[in-house]
Amino acid sequence: MLQSPTKTHRTLPLHALSVGDRVELQHDGRRGHLAYLGPVEGQSSQPIWAGIILDTADGLNDGSVNG
């Protein structure tokens, strides 16, 4: 789950968010905006993935899949 600072700072399920929403990662407080929400080819472990562009450049991935 992600927190949305713009929606009264509450925890929301992924289906309540839209691409472009400001979000805060619940586990560590980093903030950014939701860039992608949906399935990822070859990743059946989770039906919905959230791609977040963080405000600071301290993420683990660059958003690519098998690339």
N, C-alpha and C. Protein backbone atom coordinates (compact mmCIF):
# COMPACT_ATOMS: atom_id res chain seq x y z
N MET A 1 0.83 -1.18 0.00
CA MET A 1 0.00 0.00 0.00
C MET A 1 0.88 1.24 0.00
N LEU A 2 0.33 2.29 -0.55
CA LEU A 2 1.02 3.57 -0.62
C LEU A 2 0.21 4.61 0.12
N GLN A 3 0.88 5.61 0.62
CA GLN A 3 0.19 6.74 1.21
C GLN A 3 0.13 7.84 0.18
N SER A 4 -0.95 8.58 0.19
CA SER A 4 -1.10 9.69 -0.72
C SER A 4 -1.09 10.99 0.07
N PRO A 5 -0.01 11.75 0.02
CA PRO A 5 0.05 13.01 0.76
C PRO A 5 -1.01 14.01 0.28
N THR A 6 -1.45 13.88 -0.97
CA THR A 6 -2.43 14.82 -1.49
C THR A 6 -3.86 14.39 -1.21
N LYS A 7 -4.07 13.19 -0.73
CA LYS A 7 -5.42 12.73 -0.39
C LYS A 7 -5.50 12.54 1.12
N THR A 8 -5.33 13.61 1.84
CA THR A 8 -5.39 13.68 3.29
C THR A 8 -4.44 12.71 4.00
N HIS A 9 -3.31 12.41 3.39
CA HIS A 9 -2.24 11.61 3.99
C HIS A 9 -2.76 10.33 4.64
N ARG A 10 -3.44 9.52 3.86
CA ARG A 10 -3.94 8.25 4.36
C ARG A 10 -3.46 7.12 3.47
N THR A 11 -3.45 5.93 4.01
CA THR A 11 -3.03 4.77 3.25
C THR A 11 -4.17 4.34 2.34
N LEU A 12 -3.85 4.17 1.06
CA LEU A 12 -4.85 3.81 0.07
C LEU A 12 -4.44 2.54 -0.66
N PRO A 13 -5.41 1.71 -1.03
CA PRO A 13 -5.08 0.56 -1.88
C PRO A 13 -4.71 1.05 -3.28
N LEU A 14 -3.97 0.27 -4.01
CA LEU A 14 -3.51 0.69 -5.34
C LEU A 14 -4.65 1.09 -6.26
N HIS A 15 -5.79 0.39 -6.20
CA HIS A 15 -6.88 0.71 -7.12
C HIS A 15 -7.51 2.08 -6.87
N ALA A 16 -7.19 2.73 -5.74
CA ALA A 16 -7.71 4.05 -5.44
C ALA A 16 -6.80 5.16 -5.95
N LEU A 17 -5.65 4.78 -6.52
CA LEU A 17 -4.68 5.77 -7.00
C LEU A 17 -4.73 5.87 -8.52
N SER A 18 -4.24 6.99 -9.03
CA SER A 18 -4.16 7.21 -10.48
C SER A 18 -2.76 7.65 -10.84
N VAL A 19 -2.34 7.33 -12.06
CA VAL A 19 -1.05 7.79 -12.56
C VAL A 19 -0.99 9.31 -12.40
N GLY A 20 0.10 9.79 -11.87
CA GLY A 20 0.29 11.22 -11.63
C GLY A 20 0.08 11.62 -10.18
N ASP A 21 -0.58 10.76 -9.39
CA ASP A 21 -0.79 11.06 -7.97
C ASP A 21 0.54 11.14 -7.23
N ARG A 22 0.62 12.05 -6.26
CA ARG A 22 1.76 12.10 -5.35
C ARG A 22 1.59 10.97 -4.36
N VAL A 23 2.68 10.26 -4.08
CA VAL A 23 2.62 9.14 -3.14
C VAL A 23 3.81 9.18 -2.19
N GLU A 24 3.65 8.49 -1.08
CA GLU A 24 4.71 8.32 -0.10
C GLU A 24 4.82 6.84 0.20
N LEU A 25 6.02 6.30 0.15
CA LEU A 25 6.22 4.89 0.45
C LEU A 25 6.01 4.66 1.94
N GLN A 26 5.13 3.75 2.25
CA GLN A 26 4.74 3.51 3.63
C GLN A 26 5.90 3.01 4.48
N HIS A 27 6.78 2.20 3.92
CA HIS A 27 7.84 1.58 4.72
C HIS A 27 9.03 2.49 5.02
N ASP A 28 9.24 3.54 4.22
CA ASP A 28 10.41 4.38 4.50
C ASP A 28 10.19 5.88 4.31
N GLY A 29 9.00 6.27 3.91
CA GLY A 29 8.67 7.69 3.83
C GLY A 29 9.15 8.43 2.59
N ARG A 30 9.85 7.72 1.66
CA ARG A 30 10.27 8.42 0.44
C ARG A 30 9.04 8.83 -0.36
N ARG A 31 9.14 9.95 -1.07
CA ARG A 31 8.01 10.47 -1.83
C ARG A 31 8.33 10.57 -3.31
N GLY A 32 7.29 10.57 -4.09
CA GLY A 32 7.42 10.70 -5.53
C GLY A 32 6.05 10.76 -6.17
N HIS A 33 5.99 10.44 -7.47
CA HIS A 33 4.67 10.38 -8.10
C HIS A 33 4.51 9.07 -8.85
N LEU A 34 3.27 8.63 -8.93
CA LEU A 34 2.94 7.36 -9.55
C LEU A 34 3.04 7.51 -11.06
N ALA A 35 3.94 6.75 -11.67
CA ALA A 35 4.18 6.84 -13.11
C ALA A 35 3.54 5.69 -13.87
N TYR A 36 3.31 4.57 -13.21
CA TYR A 36 2.72 3.39 -13.87
C TYR A 36 1.93 2.60 -12.85
N LEU A 37 0.80 2.06 -13.27
CA LEU A 37 -0.01 1.21 -12.43
C LEU A 37 -0.65 0.15 -13.31
N GLY A 38 -0.24 -1.09 -13.15
CA GLY A 38 -0.80 -2.15 -13.97
C GLY A 38 0.07 -3.40 -13.95
N PRO A 39 -0.23 -4.33 -14.83
CA PRO A 39 0.54 -5.57 -14.88
C PRO A 39 1.91 -5.35 -15.50
N VAL A 40 2.84 -6.25 -15.19
CA VAL A 40 4.17 -6.24 -15.78
C VAL A 40 4.38 -7.61 -16.42
N GLU A 41 4.68 -7.62 -17.70
CA GLU A 41 4.86 -8.87 -18.43
C GLU A 41 5.92 -9.74 -17.78
N GLY A 42 5.58 -11.00 -17.57
CA GLY A 42 6.52 -11.94 -16.97
C GLY A 42 6.60 -11.89 -15.46
N GLN A 43 5.82 -11.04 -14.84
CA GLN A 43 5.82 -10.90 -13.38
C GLN A 43 4.45 -11.27 -12.82
N SER A 44 4.15 -12.55 -12.79
CA SER A 44 2.83 -13.00 -12.37
C SER A 44 2.68 -13.09 -10.85
N SER A 45 3.75 -12.84 -10.11
CA SER A 45 3.67 -12.94 -8.65
C SER A 45 2.75 -11.88 -8.06
N GLN A 46 2.60 -10.77 -8.74
CA GLN A 46 1.73 -9.68 -8.31
C GLN A 46 0.90 -9.25 -9.52
N PRO A 47 -0.43 -9.16 -9.38
CA PRO A 47 -1.25 -8.78 -10.54
C PRO A 47 -1.11 -7.31 -10.92
N ILE A 48 -0.82 -6.45 -9.94
CA ILE A 48 -0.70 -5.02 -10.21
C ILE A 48 0.61 -4.52 -9.62
N TRP A 49 1.35 -3.79 -10.44
CA TRP A 49 2.61 -3.19 -10.02
C TRP A 49 2.47 -1.67 -10.06
N ALA A 50 3.19 -1.01 -9.16
CA ALA A 50 3.21 0.45 -9.14
C ALA A 50 4.62 0.91 -9.47
N GLY A 51 4.74 1.76 -10.48
CA GLY A 51 6.02 2.36 -10.84
C GLY A 51 6.04 3.78 -10.31
N ILE A 52 7.00 4.09 -9.48
CA ILE A 52 7.06 5.39 -8.82
C ILE A 52 8.34 6.10 -9.20
N ILE A 53 8.22 7.33 -9.63
CA ILE A 53 9.39 8.17 -9.86
C ILE A 53 9.63 8.94 -8.57
N LEU A 54 10.71 8.59 -7.90
CA LEU A 54 11.02 9.20 -6.61
C LEU A 54 11.52 10.63 -6.77
N ASP A 55 11.27 11.44 -5.75
CA ASP A 55 11.76 12.82 -5.74
C ASP A 55 13.28 12.88 -5.67
N THR A 56 13.88 11.89 -5.03
CA THR A 56 15.33 11.81 -4.92
C THR A 56 15.82 10.57 -5.68
N ALA A 57 17.01 10.62 -6.17
CA ALA A 57 17.56 9.53 -6.99
C ALA A 57 18.17 8.44 -6.12
N ASP A 58 17.34 7.80 -5.28
CA ASP A 58 17.88 6.76 -4.42
C ASP A 58 17.08 5.46 -4.50
N GLY A 59 16.46 5.21 -5.64
CA GLY A 59 15.73 3.96 -5.84
C GLY A 59 16.65 2.83 -6.27
N LEU A 60 16.11 1.61 -6.29
CA LEU A 60 16.90 0.44 -6.66
C LEU A 60 16.85 0.13 -8.14
N ASN A 61 15.84 0.57 -8.84
CA ASN A 61 15.64 0.19 -10.25
C ASN A 61 15.44 1.42 -11.12
N ASP A 62 15.55 1.20 -12.44
CA ASP A 62 15.35 2.32 -13.37
C ASP A 62 14.04 2.23 -14.13
N GLY A 63 13.16 1.29 -13.76
CA GLY A 63 11.86 1.17 -14.40
C GLY A 63 11.82 0.22 -15.58
N SER A 64 12.96 -0.33 -16.00
CA SER A 64 12.96 -1.23 -17.13
C SER A 64 12.70 -2.67 -16.68
N VAL A 65 12.18 -3.48 -17.60
CA VAL A 65 11.94 -4.89 -17.34
C VAL A 65 12.70 -5.69 -18.38
N ASN A 66 13.57 -6.57 -17.92
CA ASN A 66 14.39 -7.39 -18.82
C ASN A 66 15.17 -6.55 -19.82
N GLY A 67 15.63 -5.39 -19.39
CA GLY A 67 16.32 -4.50 -20.32
C GLY A 67 17.64 -4.06 -19.92
